[in-house]
Amino acid sequence: MSFVFLLIAIGSNVGAQVLFKYAALRGLHWGFQFPDLITKNFPLILAAFLLAFSAPFYFLALRQFSLSVAYPVSVAVTFLIVNLFAVNYFGEKLNTLQMVGYTLVVSGIFFIAYFTNSSR
């Protein structure tokens, strides 16, 4: 079950990061009427909610996984998925050295997850 908690934390963190980028591209809308302030800044508000939503699930995952495994795996997986969104939805470009770096990150995740001595 802890693996599911970690996946939920990663997924909501990915959603938050992508929505932060989307909101940044749209710009922040200031207004004096409350409904407009909410509706026009909804991606930013949802991103903040998703970031807060991920915290308790990460906490629950840490009850079973060691911090030295959970943190690097969650950061690296989030990093890779967010970059897939950056390329596919925001049109960002990757160069050869970045691709080498991503390969190293994937290798690092494998070594951290596969060669862990214990789950605590």
PDB file of N, CA and C in Angstrom:
ATOM      1  N   MET A   1       0.813  -1.195   0.000  1.00  0.00           N
ATOM      2  CA  MET A   1       0.000   0.000   0.000  1.00  0.00           C
ATOM      3  C   MET A   1       0.858   1.262   0.000  1.00  0.00           C
ATOM      4  N   SER A   2       2.049   1.182   0.607  1.00  0.00           N
ATOM      5  CA  SER A   2       2.931   2.343   0.649  1.00  0.00           C
ATOM      6  C   SER A   2       3.365   2.769  -0.742  1.00  0.00           C
ATOM      7  N   PHE A   3       3.517   1.786  -1.632  1.00  0.00           N
ATOM      8  CA  PHE A   3       3.876   2.094  -3.011  1.00  0.00           C
ATOM      9  C   PHE A   3       2.766   2.912  -3.668  1.00  0.00           C
ATOM     10  N   VAL A   4       1.522   2.571  -3.382  1.00  0.00           N
ATOM     11  CA  VAL A   4       0.380   3.323  -3.912  1.00  0.00           C
ATOM     12  C   VAL A   4       0.394   4.750  -3.365  1.00  0.00           C
ATOM     13  N   PHE A   5       0.690   4.900  -2.071  1.00  0.00           N
ATOM     14  CA  PHE A   5       0.781   6.240  -1.488  1.00  0.00           C
ATOM     15  C   PHE A   5       1.859   7.060  -2.175  1.00  0.00           C
ATOM     16  N   LEU A   6       3.001   6.436  -2.443  1.00  0.00           N
ATOM     17  CA  LEU A   6       4.087   7.143  -3.113  1.00  0.00           C
ATOM     18  C   LEU A   6       3.687   7.536  -4.534  1.00  0.00           C
ATOM     19  N   LEU A   7       2.990   6.651  -5.224  1.00  0.00           N
ATOM     20  CA  LEU A   7       2.526   6.976  -6.581  1.00  0.00           C
ATOM     21  C   LEU A   7       1.514   8.111  -6.584  1.00  0.00           C
ATOM     22  N   ILE A   8       0.624   8.134  -5.601  1.00  0.00           N
ATOM     23  CA  ILE A   8      -0.344   9.231  -5.499  1.00  0.00           C
ATOM     24  C   ILE A   8       0.388  10.543  -5.232  1.00  0.00           C
ATOM     25  N   ALA A   9       1.371  10.514  -4.342  1.00  0.00           N
ATOM     26  CA  ALA A   9       2.153  11.720  -4.049  1.00  0.00           C
ATOM     27  C   ALA A   9       2.890  12.202  -5.291  1.00  0.00           C
ATOM     28  N   ILE A  10       3.497  11.284  -6.016  1.00  0.00           N
ATOM     29  CA  ILE A  10       4.212  11.658  -7.243  1.00  0.00           C
ATOM     30  C   ILE A  10       3.245  12.205  -8.281  1.00  0.00           C
ATOM     31  N   GLY A  11       2.132  11.528  -8.481  1.00  0.00           N
ATOM     32  CA  GLY A  11       1.155  11.971  -9.480  1.00  0.00           C
ATOM     33  C   GLY A  11       0.588  13.344  -9.191  1.00  0.00           C
ATOM     34  N   SER A  12       0.256  13.602  -7.949  1.00  0.00           N
ATOM     35  CA  SER A  12      -0.295  14.916  -7.623  1.00  0.00           C
ATOM     36  C   SER A  12       0.780  15.998  -7.699  1.00  0.00           C
ATOM     37  N   ASN A  13       2.019  15.643  -7.382  1.00  0.00           N
ATOM     38  CA  ASN A  13       3.120  16.597  -7.514  1.00  0.00           C
ATOM     39  C   ASN A  13       3.365  16.921  -8.987  1.00  0.00           C
ATOM     40  N   VAL A  14       3.320  15.910  -9.850  1.00  0.00           N
ATOM     41  CA  VAL A  14       3.465  16.147 -11.294  1.00  0.00           C
ATOM     42  C   VAL A  14       2.356  17.075 -11.780  1.00  0.00           C
ATOM     43  N   GLY A  15       1.124  16.765 -11.394  1.00  0.00           N
ATOM     44  CA  GLY A  15       0.002  17.625 -11.794  1.00  0.00           C
ATOM     45  C   GLY A  15       0.196  19.057 -11.339  1.00  0.00           C
ATOM     46  N   ALA A  16       0.691  19.231 -10.126  1.00  0.00           N
ATOM     47  CA  ALA A  16       0.930  20.579  -9.602  1.00  0.00           C
ATOM     48  C   ALA A  16       1.979  21.315 -10.428  1.00  0.00           C
ATOM     49  N   GLN A  17       3.074  20.651 -10.745  1.00  0.00           N
ATOM     50  CA  GLN A  17       4.147  21.305 -11.498  1.00  0.00           C
ATOM     51  C   GLN A  17       3.689  21.705 -12.898  1.00  0.00           C
ATOM     52  N   VAL A  18       2.948  20.830 -13.559  1.00  0.00           N
ATOM     53  CA  VAL A  18       2.448  21.138 -14.899  1.00  0.00           C
ATOM     54  C   VAL A  18       1.449  22.292 -14.844  1.00  0.00           C
ATOM     55  N   LEU A  19       0.588  22.283 -13.844  1.00  0.00           N
ATOM     56  CA  LEU A  19      -0.377  23.383 -13.708  1.00  0.00           C
ATOM     57  C   LEU A  19       0.306  24.699 -13.339  1.00  0.00           C
ATOM     58  N   PHE A  20       1.380  24.644 -12.545  1.00  0.00           N
ATOM     59  CA  PHE A  20       2.129  25.874 -12.253  1.00  0.00           C
ATOM     60  C   PHE A  20       2.678  26.473 -13.545  1.00  0.00           C
ATOM     61  N   LYS A  21       3.217  25.641 -14.428  1.00  0.00           N
ATOM     62  CA  LYS A  21       3.738  26.124 -15.704  1.00  0.00           C
ATOM     63  C   LYS A  21       2.615  26.700 -16.548  1.00  0.00           C
ATOM     64  N   TYR A  22       1.503  25.996 -16.628  1.00  0.00           N
ATOM     65  CA  TYR A  22       0.354  26.472 -17.397  1.00  0.00           C
ATOM     66  C   TYR A  22      -0.137  27.818 -16.857  1.00  0.00           C
ATOM     67  N   ALA A  23      -0.240  27.917 -15.539  1.00  0.00           N
ATOM     68  CA  ALA A  23      -0.686  29.171 -14.918  1.00  0.00           C
ATOM     69  C   ALA A  23       0.324  30.286 -15.172  1.00  0.00           C
ATOM     70  N   ALA A  24       1.612  29.958 -15.143  1.00  0.00           N
ATOM     71  CA  ALA A  24       2.638  30.975 -15.399  1.00  0.00           C
ATOM     72  C   ALA A  24       2.545  31.498 -16.826  1.00  0.00           C
ATOM     73  N   LEU A  25       2.239  30.633 -17.769  1.00  0.00           N
ATOM     74  CA  LEU A  25       2.091  31.068 -19.161  1.00  0.00           C
ATOM     75  C   LEU A  25       0.849  31.936 -19.351  1.00  0.00           C
ATOM     76  N   ARG A  26      -0.189  31.636 -18.597  1.00  0.00           N
ATOM     77  CA  ARG A  26      -1.423  32.439 -18.678  1.00  0.00           C
ATOM     78  C   ARG A  26      -1.281  33.774 -17.981  1.00  0.00           C
ATOM     79  N   GLY A  27      -0.462  33.792 -16.956  1.00  0.00           N
ATOM     80  CA  GLY A  27      -0.302  35.011 -16.170  1.00  0.00           C
ATOM     81  C   GLY A  27      -1.267  35.037 -15.005  1.00  0.00           C
ATOM     82  N   LEU A  28      -0.910  35.817 -14.009  1.00  0.00           N
ATOM     83  CA  LEU A  28      -1.748  35.957 -12.822  1.00  0.00           C
ATOM     84  C   LEU A  28      -2.767  37.061 -13.065  1.00  0.00           C
ATOM     85  N   HIS A  29      -3.999  36.782 -12.764  1.00  0.00           N
ATOM     86  CA  HIS A  29      -5.075  37.746 -12.986  1.00  0.00           C
ATOM     87  C   HIS A  29      -5.542  38.316 -11.654  1.00  0.00           C
ATOM     88  N   TRP A  30      -5.393  39.610 -11.531  1.00  0.00           N
ATOM     89  CA  TRP A  30      -5.865  40.291 -10.331  1.00  0.00           C
ATOM     90  C   TRP A  30      -7.184  40.955 -10.643  1.00  0.00           C
ATOM     91  N   GLY A  31      -8.080  40.848  -9.738  1.00  0.00           N
ATOM     92  CA  GLY A  31      -9.377  41.478  -9.919  1.00  0.00           C
ATOM     93  C   GLY A  31      -9.972  41.792  -8.565  1.00  0.00           C
ATOM     94  N   PHE A  32     -10.993  42.593  -8.584  1.00  0.00           N
ATOM     95  CA  PHE A  32     -11.600  42.995  -7.323  1.00  0.00           C
ATOM     96  C   PHE A  32     -12.877  42.228  -7.027  1.00  0.00           C
ATOM     97  N   GLN A  33     -13.300  41.416  -7.970  1.00  0.00           N
ATOM     98  CA  GLN A  33     -14.490  40.614  -7.744  1.00  0.00           C
ATOM     99  C   GLN A  33     -14.039  39.184  -7.444  1.00  0.00           C
ATOM    100  N   PHE A  34     -14.505  38.681  -6.345  1.00  0.00           N
ATOM    101  CA  PHE A  34     -14.059  37.380  -5.854  1.00  0.00           C
ATOM    102  C   PHE A  34     -14.242  36.240  -6.855  1.00  0.00           C
ATOM    103  N   PRO A  35     -15.402  36.099  -7.495  1.00  0.00           N
ATOM    104  CA  PRO A  35     -15.543  34.960  -8.426  1.00  0.00           C
ATOM    105  C   PRO A  35     -14.525  35.013  -9.569  1.00  0.00           C
ATOM    106  N   ASP A  36     -14.255  36.190 -10.099  1.00  0.00           N
ATOM    107  CA  ASP A  36     -13.275  36.316 -11.185  1.00  0.00           C
ATOM    108  C   ASP A  36     -11.875  35.956 -10.713  1.00  0.00           C
ATOM    109  N   LEU A  37     -11.558  36.334  -9.508  1.00  0.00           N
ATOM    110  CA  LEU A  37     -10.240  36.031  -8.960  1.00  0.00           C
ATOM    111  C   LEU A  37     -10.026  34.518  -8.881  1.00  0.00           C
ATOM    112  N   ILE A  38     -11.067  33.790  -8.531  1.00  0.00           N
ATOM    113  CA  ILE A  38     -10.980  32.332  -8.432  1.00  0.00           C
ATOM    114  C   ILE A  38     -10.974  31.695  -9.820  1.00  0.00           C
ATOM    115  N   THR A  39     -11.925  32.043 -10.655  1.00  0.00           N
ATOM    116  CA  THR A  39     -12.053  31.367 -11.948  1.00  0.00           C
ATOM    117  C   THR A  39     -10.889  31.671 -12.879  1.00  0.00           C
ATOM    118  N   LYS A  40     -10.385  32.871 -12.873  1.00  0.00           N
ATOM    119  CA  LYS A  40      -9.291  33.214 -13.789  1.00  0.00           C
ATOM    120  C   LYS A  40      -7.940  32.698 -13.318  1.00  0.00           C
ATOM    121  N   ASN A  41      -7.827  32.400 -12.046  1.00  0.00           N
ATOM    122  CA  ASN A  41      -6.584  31.855 -11.497  1.00  0.00           C
ATOM    123  C   ASN A  41      -6.746  30.392 -11.080  1.00  0.00           C
ATOM    124  N   PHE A  42      -7.761  29.726 -11.631  1.00  0.00           N
ATOM    125  CA  PHE A  42      -8.043  28.360 -11.208  1.00  0.00           C
ATOM    126  C   PHE A  42      -6.871  27.402 -11.394  1.00  0.00           C
ATOM    127  N   PRO A  43      -6.119  27.450 -12.509  1.00  0.00           N
ATOM    128  CA  PRO A  43      -4.973  26.533 -12.630  1.00  0.00           C
ATOM    129  C   PRO A  43      -3.942  26.722 -11.511  1.00  0.00           C
ATOM    130  N   LEU A  44      -3.706  27.947 -11.116  1.00  0.00           N
ATOM    131  CA  LEU A  44      -2.766  28.214 -10.029  1.00  0.00           C
ATOM    132  C   LEU A  44      -3.299  27.691  -8.696  1.00  0.00           C
ATOM    133  N   ILE A  45      -4.571  27.899  -8.448  1.00  0.00           N
ATOM    134  CA  ILE A  45      -5.186  27.429  -7.206  1.00  0.00           C
ATOM    135  C   ILE A  45      -5.187  25.903  -7.153  1.00  0.00           C
ATOM    136  N   LEU A  46      -5.513  25.280  -8.291  1.00  0.00           N
ATOM    137  CA  LEU A  46      -5.512  23.821  -8.344  1.00  0.00           C
ATOM    138  C   LEU A  46      -4.104  23.262  -8.156  1.00  0.00           C
ATOM    139  N   ALA A  47      -3.106  23.933  -8.718  1.00  0.00           N
ATOM    140  CA  ALA A  47      -1.716  23.500  -8.547  1.00  0.00           C
ATOM    141  C   ALA A  47      -1.317  23.529  -7.071  1.00  0.00           C
ATOM    142  N   ALA A  48      -1.678  24.601  -6.385  1.00  0.00           N
ATOM    143  CA  ALA A  48      -1.360  24.707  -4.961  1.00  0.00           C
ATOM    144  C   ALA A  48      -2.094  23.623  -4.163  1.00  0.00           C
ATOM    145  N   PHE A  49      -3.339  23.367  -4.526  1.00  0.00           N
ATOM    146  CA  PHE A  49      -4.095  22.302  -3.854  1.00  0.00           C
ATOM    147  C   PHE A  49      -3.428  20.942  -4.063  1.00  0.00           C
ATOM    148  N   LEU A  50      -3.031  20.641  -5.297  1.00  0.00           N
ATOM    149  CA  LEU A  50      -2.396  19.349  -5.585  1.00  0.00           C
ATOM    150  C   LEU A  50      -1.081  19.187  -4.836  1.00  0.00           C
ATOM    151  N   LEU A  51      -0.339  20.270  -4.717  1.00  0.00           N
ATOM    152  CA  LEU A  51       0.915  20.208  -3.980  1.00  0.00           C
ATOM    153  C   LEU A  51       0.650  19.883  -2.509  1.00  0.00           C
ATOM    154  N   ALA A  52      -0.354  20.534  -1.928  1.00  0.00           N
ATOM    155  CA  ALA A  52      -0.716  20.247  -0.538  1.00  0.00           C
ATOM    156  C   ALA A  52      -1.314  18.844  -0.407  1.00  0.00           C
ATOM    157  N   PHE A  53      -2.064  18.414  -1.411  1.00  0.00           N
ATOM    158  CA  PHE A  53      -2.689  17.086  -1.414  1.00  0.00           C
ATOM    159  C   PHE A  53      -1.635  15.980  -1.395  1.00  0.00           C
ATOM    160  N   SER A  54      -0.500  16.213  -2.036  1.00  0.00           N
ATOM    161  CA  SER A  54       0.528  15.175  -2.124  1.00  0.00           C
ATOM    162  C   SER A  54       1.228  14.925  -0.789  1.00  0.00           C
ATOM    163  N   ALA A  55       1.292  15.928   0.067  1.00  0.00           N
ATOM    164  CA  ALA A  55       2.062  15.820   1.313  1.00  0.00           C
ATOM    165  C   ALA A  55       1.617  14.680   2.227  1.00  0.00           C
ATOM    166  N   PRO A  56       0.341  14.516   2.534  1.00  0.00           N
ATOM    167  CA  PRO A  56      -0.032  13.416   3.427  1.00  0.00           C
ATOM    168  C   PRO A  56       0.249  12.037   2.830  1.00  0.00           C
ATOM    169  N   PHE A  57       0.132  11.916   1.513  1.00  0.00           N
ATOM    170  CA  PHE A  57       0.418  10.630   0.884  1.00  0.00           C
ATOM    171  C   PHE A  57       1.914  10.324   0.926  1.00  0.00           C
ATOM    172  N   TYR A  58       2.727  11.356   0.752  1.00  0.00           N
ATOM    173  CA  TYR A  58       4.171  11.168   0.872  1.00  0.00           C
ATOM    174  C   TYR A  58       4.520  10.779   2.313  1.00  0.00           C
ATOM    175  N   PHE A  59       3.880  11.423   3.265  1.00  0.00           N
ATOM    176  CA  PHE A  59       4.066  11.090   4.678  1.00  0.00           C
ATOM    177  C   PHE A  59       3.737   9.618   4.942  1.00  0.00           C
ATOM    178  N   LEU A  60       2.613   9.156   4.399  1.00  0.00           N
ATOM    179  CA  LEU A  60       2.217   7.758   4.592  1.00  0.00           C
ATOM    180  C   LEU A  60       3.205   6.804   3.925  1.00  0.00           C
ATOM    181  N   ALA A  61       3.723   7.178   2.777  1.00  0.00           N
ATOM    182  CA  ALA A  61       4.718   6.336   2.099  1.00  0.00           C
ATOM    183  C   ALA A  61       6.000   6.253   2.920  1.00  0.00           C
ATOM    184  N   LEU A  62       6.358   7.347   3.583  1.00  0.00           N
ATOM    185  CA  LEU A  62       7.579   7.358   4.389  1.00  0.00           C
ATOM    186  C   LEU A  62       7.486   6.458   5.616  1.00  0.00           C
ATOM    187  N   ARG A  63       6.294   6.090   6.004  1.00  0.00           N
ATOM    188  CA  ARG A  63       6.152   5.162   7.131  1.00  0.00           C
ATOM    189  C   ARG A  63       6.721   3.800   6.784  1.00  0.00           C
ATOM    190  N   GLN A  64       6.744   3.462   5.501  1.00  0.00           N
ATOM    191  CA  GLN A  64       7.225   2.154   5.074  1.00  0.00           C
ATOM    192  C   GLN A  64       8.573   2.219   4.356  1.00  0.00           C
ATOM    193  N   PHE A  65       8.794   3.258   3.541  1.00  0.00           N
ATOM    194  CA  PHE A  65      10.038   3.378   2.778  1.00  0.00           C
ATOM    195  C   PHE A  65      11.038   4.222   3.540  1.00  0.00           C
ATOM    196  N   SER A  66      12.304   3.919   3.360  1.00  0.00           N
ATOM    197  CA  SER A  66      13.325   4.777   3.965  1.00  0.00           C
ATOM    198  C   SER A  66      13.396   6.086   3.183  1.00  0.00           C
ATOM    199  N   LEU A  67      13.739   7.135   3.854  1.00  0.00           N
ATOM    200  CA  LEU A  67      13.848   8.451   3.227  1.00  0.00           C
ATOM    201  C   LEU A  67      14.894   8.437   2.122  1.00  0.00           C
ATOM    202  N   SER A  68      15.962   7.675   2.317  1.00  0.00           N
ATOM    203  CA  SER A  68      17.035   7.622   1.325  1.00  0.00           C
ATOM    204  C   SER A  68      16.601   6.946   0.028  1.00  0.00           C
ATOM    205  N   VAL A  69      15.456   6.279   0.045  1.00  0.00           N
ATOM    206  CA  VAL A  69      14.906   5.676  -1.174  1.00  0.00           C
ATOM    207  C   VAL A  69      13.722   6.500  -1.678  1.00  0.00           C
ATOM    208  N   ALA A  70      12.792   6.819  -0.795  1.00  0.00           N
ATOM    209  CA  ALA A  70      11.556   7.489  -1.208  1.00  0.00           C
ATOM    210  C   ALA A  70      11.818   8.858  -1.821  1.00  0.00           C
ATOM    211  N   TYR A  71      12.692   9.641  -1.205  1.00  0.00           N
ATOM    212  CA  TYR A  71      12.906  10.993  -1.714  1.00  0.00           C
ATOM    213  C   TYR A  71      13.556  11.002  -3.094  1.00  0.00           C
ATOM    214  N   PRO A  72      14.690  10.321  -3.292  1.00  0.00           N
ATOM    215  CA  PRO A  72      15.277  10.375  -4.631  1.00  0.00           C
ATOM    216  C   PRO A  72      14.384   9.766  -5.710  1.00  0.00           C
ATOM    217  N   VAL A  73      13.679   8.698  -5.377  1.00  0.00           N
ATOM    218  CA  VAL A  73      12.797   8.094  -6.366  1.00  0.00           C
ATOM    219  C   VAL A  73      11.653   9.046  -6.706  1.00  0.00           C
ATOM    220  N   SER A  74      11.033   9.656  -5.705  1.00  0.00           N
ATOM    221  CA  SER A  74       9.907  10.557  -5.983  1.00  0.00           C
ATOM    222  C   SER A  74      10.359  11.796  -6.758  1.00  0.00           C
ATOM    223  N   VAL A  75      11.500  12.347  -6.404  1.00  0.00           N
ATOM    224  CA  VAL A  75      11.997  13.534  -7.119  1.00  0.00           C
ATOM    225  C   VAL A  75      12.371  13.177  -8.554  1.00  0.00           C
ATOM    226  N   ALA A  76      13.066  12.060  -8.734  1.00  0.00           N
ATOM    227  CA  ALA A  76      13.516  11.682 -10.074  1.00  0.00           C
ATOM    228  C   ALA A  76      12.345  11.313 -10.985  1.00  0.00           C
ATOM    229  N   VAL A  77      11.387  10.567 -10.467  1.00  0.00           N
ATOM    230  CA  VAL A  77      10.232  10.191 -11.288  1.00  0.00           C
ATOM    231  C   VAL A  77       9.412  11.431 -11.626  1.00  0.00           C
ATOM    232  N   THR A  78       9.221  12.316 -10.650  1.00  0.00           N
ATOM    233  CA  THR A  78       8.524  13.571 -10.912  1.00  0.00           C
ATOM    234  C   THR A  78       9.264  14.376 -11.977  1.00  0.00           C
ATOM    235  N   PHE A  79      10.570  14.459 -11.850  1.00  0.00           N
ATOM    236  CA  PHE A  79      11.416  15.179 -12.802  1.00  0.00           C
ATOM    237  C   PHE A  79      11.237  14.637 -14.215  1.00  0.00           C
ATOM    238  N   LEU A  80      11.250  13.334 -14.368  1.00  0.00           N
ATOM    239  CA  LEU A  80      11.126  12.737 -15.696  1.00  0.00           C
ATOM    240  C   LEU A  80       9.738  12.954 -16.292  1.00  0.00           C
ATOM    241  N   ILE A  81       8.703  12.749 -15.505  1.00  0.00           N
ATOM    242  CA  ILE A  81       7.340  12.896 -16.031  1.00  0.00           C
ATOM    243  C   ILE A  81       7.040  14.353 -16.356  1.00  0.00           C
ATOM    244  N   VAL A  82       7.472  15.264 -15.500  1.00  0.00           N
ATOM    245  CA  VAL A  82       7.249  16.688 -15.762  1.00  0.00           C
ATOM    246  C   VAL A  82       7.955  17.098 -17.056  1.00  0.00           C
ATOM    247  N   ASN A  83       9.143  16.559 -17.283  1.00  0.00           N
ATOM    248  CA  ASN A  83       9.855  16.897 -18.511  1.00  0.00           C
ATOM    249  C   ASN A  83       9.174  16.319 -19.743  1.00  0.00           C
ATOM    250  N   LEU A  84       8.513  15.179 -19.611  1.00  0.00           N
ATOM    251  CA  LEU A  84       7.717  14.662 -20.727  1.00  0.00           C
ATOM    252  C   LEU A  84       6.581  15.631 -21.072  1.00  0.00           C
ATOM    253  N   PHE A  85       5.937  16.162 -20.058  1.00  0.00           N
ATOM    254  CA  PHE A  85       4.901  17.168 -20.285  1.00  0.00           C
ATOM    255  C   PHE A  85       5.491  18.430 -20.905  1.00  0.00           C
ATOM    256  N   ALA A  86       6.662  18.828 -20.430  1.00  0.00           N
ATOM    257  CA  ALA A  86       7.305  20.045 -20.948  1.00  0.00           C
ATOM    258  C   ALA A  86       7.565  19.922 -22.443  1.00  0.00           C
ATOM    259  N   VAL A  87       8.007  18.767 -22.860  1.00  0.00           N
ATOM    260  CA  VAL A  87       8.311  18.557 -24.281  1.00  0.00           C
ATOM    261  C   VAL A  87       7.026  18.389 -25.093  1.00  0.00           C
ATOM    262  N   ASN A  88       6.108  17.564 -24.617  1.00  0.00           N
ATOM    263  CA  ASN A  88       4.921  17.225 -25.402  1.00  0.00           C
ATOM    264  C   ASN A  88       3.825  18.279 -25.399  1.00  0.00           C
ATOM    265  N   TYR A  89       3.674  19.025 -24.308  1.00  0.00           N
ATOM    266  CA  TYR A  89       2.563  19.975 -24.216  1.00  0.00           C
ATOM    267  C   TYR A  89       2.986  21.438 -24.257  1.00  0.00           C
ATOM    268  N   PHE A  90       4.200  21.723 -23.836  1.00  0.00           N
ATOM    269  CA  PHE A  90       4.656  23.107 -23.819  1.00  0.00           C
ATOM    270  C   PHE A  90       5.688  23.394 -24.901  1.00  0.00           C
ATOM    271  N   GLY A  91       6.025  22.378 -25.687  1.00  0.00           N
ATOM    272  CA  GLY A  91       6.921  22.566 -26.815  1.00  0.00           C
ATOM    273  C   GLY A  91       8.371  22.850 -26.460  1.00  0.00           C
ATOM    274  N   GLU A  92       8.778  22.481 -25.268  1.00  0.00           N
ATOM    275  CA  GLU A  92      10.170  22.709 -24.876  1.00  0.00           C
ATOM    276  C   GLU A  92      11.062  21.697 -25.585  1.00  0.00           C
ATOM    277  N   LYS A  93      12.278  22.104 -25.875  1.00  0.00           N
ATOM    278  CA  LYS A  93      13.230  21.266 -26.618  1.00  0.00           C
ATOM    279  C   LYS A  93      14.286  20.705 -25.679  1.00  0.00           C
ATOM    280  N   LEU A  94      14.743  19.499 -25.983  1.00  0.00           N
ATOM    281  CA  LEU A  94      15.814  18.862 -25.225  1.00  0.00           C
ATOM    282  C   LEU A  94      17.026  18.705 -26.133  1.00  0.00           C
ATOM    283  N   ASN A  95      18.207  18.912 -25.564  1.00  0.00           N
ATOM    284  CA  ASN A  95      19.418  18.674 -26.345  1.00  0.00           C
ATOM    285  C   ASN A  95      20.026  17.333 -25.952  1.00  0.00           C
ATOM    286  N   THR A  96      21.101  16.979 -26.619  1.00  0.00           N
ATOM    287  CA  THR A  96      21.725  15.667 -26.417  1.00  0.00           C
ATOM    288  C   THR A  96      22.222  15.484 -24.989  1.00  0.00           C
ATOM    289  N   LEU A  97      22.832  16.508 -24.424  1.00  0.00           N
ATOM    290  CA  LEU A  97      23.339  16.387 -23.057  1.00  0.00           C
ATOM    291  C   LEU A  97      22.212  16.211 -22.047  1.00  0.00           C
ATOM    292  N   GLN A  98      21.091  16.850 -22.291  1.00  0.00           N
ATOM    293  CA  GLN A  98      19.946  16.634 -21.416  1.00  0.00           C
ATOM    294  C   GLN A  98      19.464  15.191 -21.498  1.00  0.00           C
ATOM    295  N   MET A  99      19.443  14.640 -22.696  1.00  0.00           N
ATOM    296  CA  MET A  99      19.025  13.241 -22.858  1.00  0.00           C
ATOM    297  C   MET A  99      19.991  12.299 -22.137  1.00  0.00           C
ATOM    298  N   VAL A 100      21.273  12.595 -22.179  1.00  0.00           N
ATOM    299  CA  VAL A 100      22.251  11.803 -21.427  1.00  0.00           C
ATOM    300  C   VAL A 100      21.950  11.916 -19.929  1.00  0.00           C
ATOM    301  N   GLY A 101      21.644  13.123 -19.472  1.00  0.00           N
ATOM    302  CA  GLY A 101      21.304  13.324 -18.066  1.00  0.00           C
ATOM    303  C   GLY A 101      20.067  12.546 -17.657  1.00  0.00           C
ATOM    304  N   TYR A 102      19.046  12.519 -18.510  1.00  0.00           N
ATOM    305  CA  TYR A 102      17.839  11.755 -18.202  1.00  0.00           C
ATOM    306  C   TYR A 102      18.144  10.269 -18.108  1.00  0.00           C
ATOM    307  N   THR A 103      19.017   9.789 -18.976  1.00  0.00           N
ATOM    308  CA  THR A 103      19.432   8.385 -18.926  1.00  0.00           C
ATOM    309  C   THR A 103      20.124   8.077 -17.602  1.00  0.00           C
ATOM    310  N   LEU A 104      20.958   9.004 -17.152  1.00  0.00           N
ATOM    311  CA  LEU A 104      21.632   8.814 -15.867  1.00  0.00           C
ATOM    312  C   LEU A 104      20.640   8.826 -14.707  1.00  0.00           C
ATOM    313  N   VAL A 105      19.634   9.686 -14.794  1.00  0.00           N
ATOM    314  CA  VAL A 105      18.606   9.734 -13.745  1.00  0.00           C
ATOM    315  C   VAL A 105      17.864   8.404 -13.675  1.00  0.00           C
ATOM    316  N   VAL A 106      17.470   7.871 -14.823  1.00  0.00           N
ATOM    317  CA  VAL A 106      16.766   6.582 -14.849  1.00  0.00           C
ATOM    318  C   VAL A 106      17.667   5.488 -14.278  1.00  0.00           C
ATOM    319  N   SER A 107      18.942   5.507 -14.636  1.00  0.00           N
ATOM    320  CA  SER A 107      19.886   4.528 -14.085  1.00  0.00           C
ATOM    321  C   SER A 107      19.985   4.672 -12.569  1.00  0.00           C
ATOM    322  N   GLY A 108      20.015   5.909 -12.093  1.00  0.00           N
ATOM    323  CA  GLY A 108      20.088   6.147 -10.659  1.00  0.00           C
ATOM    324  C   GLY A 108      18.874   5.624  -9.923  1.00  0.00           C
ATOM    325  N   ILE A 109      17.694   5.825 -10.499  1.00  0.00           N
ATOM    326  CA  ILE A 109      16.473   5.296  -9.881  1.00  0.00           C
ATOM    327  C   ILE A 109      16.560   3.786  -9.776  1.00  0.00           C
ATOM    328  N   PHE A 110      17.021   3.159 -10.844  1.00  0.00           N
ATOM    329  CA  PHE A 110      17.151   1.701 -10.832  1.00  0.00           C
ATOM    330  C   PHE A 110      18.092   1.256  -9.716  1.00  0.00           C
ATOM    331  N   PHE A 111      19.260   1.878  -9.623  1.00  0.00           N
ATOM    332  CA  PHE A 111      20.227   1.463  -8.605  1.00  0.00           C
ATOM    333  C   PHE A 111      19.710   1.705  -7.188  1.00  0.00           C
ATOM    334  N   ILE A 112      19.060   2.834  -6.987  1.00  0.00           N
ATOM    335  CA  ILE A 112      18.530   3.138  -5.652  1.00  0.00           C
ATOM    336  C   ILE A 112      17.439   2.144  -5.270  1.00  0.00           C
ATOM    337  N   ALA A 113      16.502   1.905  -6.174  1.00  0.00           N
ATOM    338  CA  ALA A 113      15.373   1.035  -5.860  1.00  0.00           C
ATOM    339  C   ALA A 113      15.775  -0.439  -5.807  1.00  0.00           C
ATOM    340  N   TYR A 114      16.614  -0.866  -6.702  1.00  0.00           N
ATOM    341  CA  TYR A 114      16.950  -2.286  -6.801  1.00  0.00           C
ATOM    342  C   TYR A 114      17.932  -2.745  -5.733  1.00  0.00           C
ATOM    343  N   PHE A 115      18.862  -1.890  -5.372  1.00  0.00           N
ATOM    344  CA  PHE A 115      19.906  -2.307  -4.451  1.00  0.00           C
ATOM    345  C   PHE A 115      19.693  -1.795  -3.020  1.00  0.00           C
ATOM    346  N   THR A 116      18.450  -1.550  -2.667  1.00  0.00           N
ATOM    347  CA  THR A 116      18.135  -1.133  -1.306  1.00  0.00           C
ATOM    348  C   THR A 116      18.133  -2.362  -0.405  1.00  0.00           C
ATOM    349  N   ASN A 117      18.825  -2.248   0.736  1.00  0.00           N
ATOM    350  CA  ASN A 117      18.927  -3.390   1.657  1.00  0.00           C
ATOM    351  C   ASN A 117      17.647  -3.642   2.417  1.00  0.00           C
ATOM    352  N   SER A 118      16.979  -2.571   2.827  1.00  0.00           N
ATOM    353  CA  SER A 118      15.759  -2.754   3.614  1.00  0.00           C
ATOM    354  C   SER A 118      14.770  -1.694   3.241  1.00  0.00           C
ATOM    355  N   SER A 119      13.522  -1.882   3.644  1.00  0.00           N
ATOM    356  CA  SER A 119      12.487  -0.907   3.339  1.00  0.00           C
ATOM    357  C   SER A 119      12.378   0.174   4.396  1.00  0.00           C
ATOM    358  N   ARG A 120      13.192   0.109   5.434  1.00  0.00           N
ATOM    359  CA  ARG A 120      13.137   1.142   6.477  1.00  0.00           C
ATOM    360  C   ARG A 120      14.468   1.752   6.721  1.00  0.00           C
TER     361      ARG A 120
END
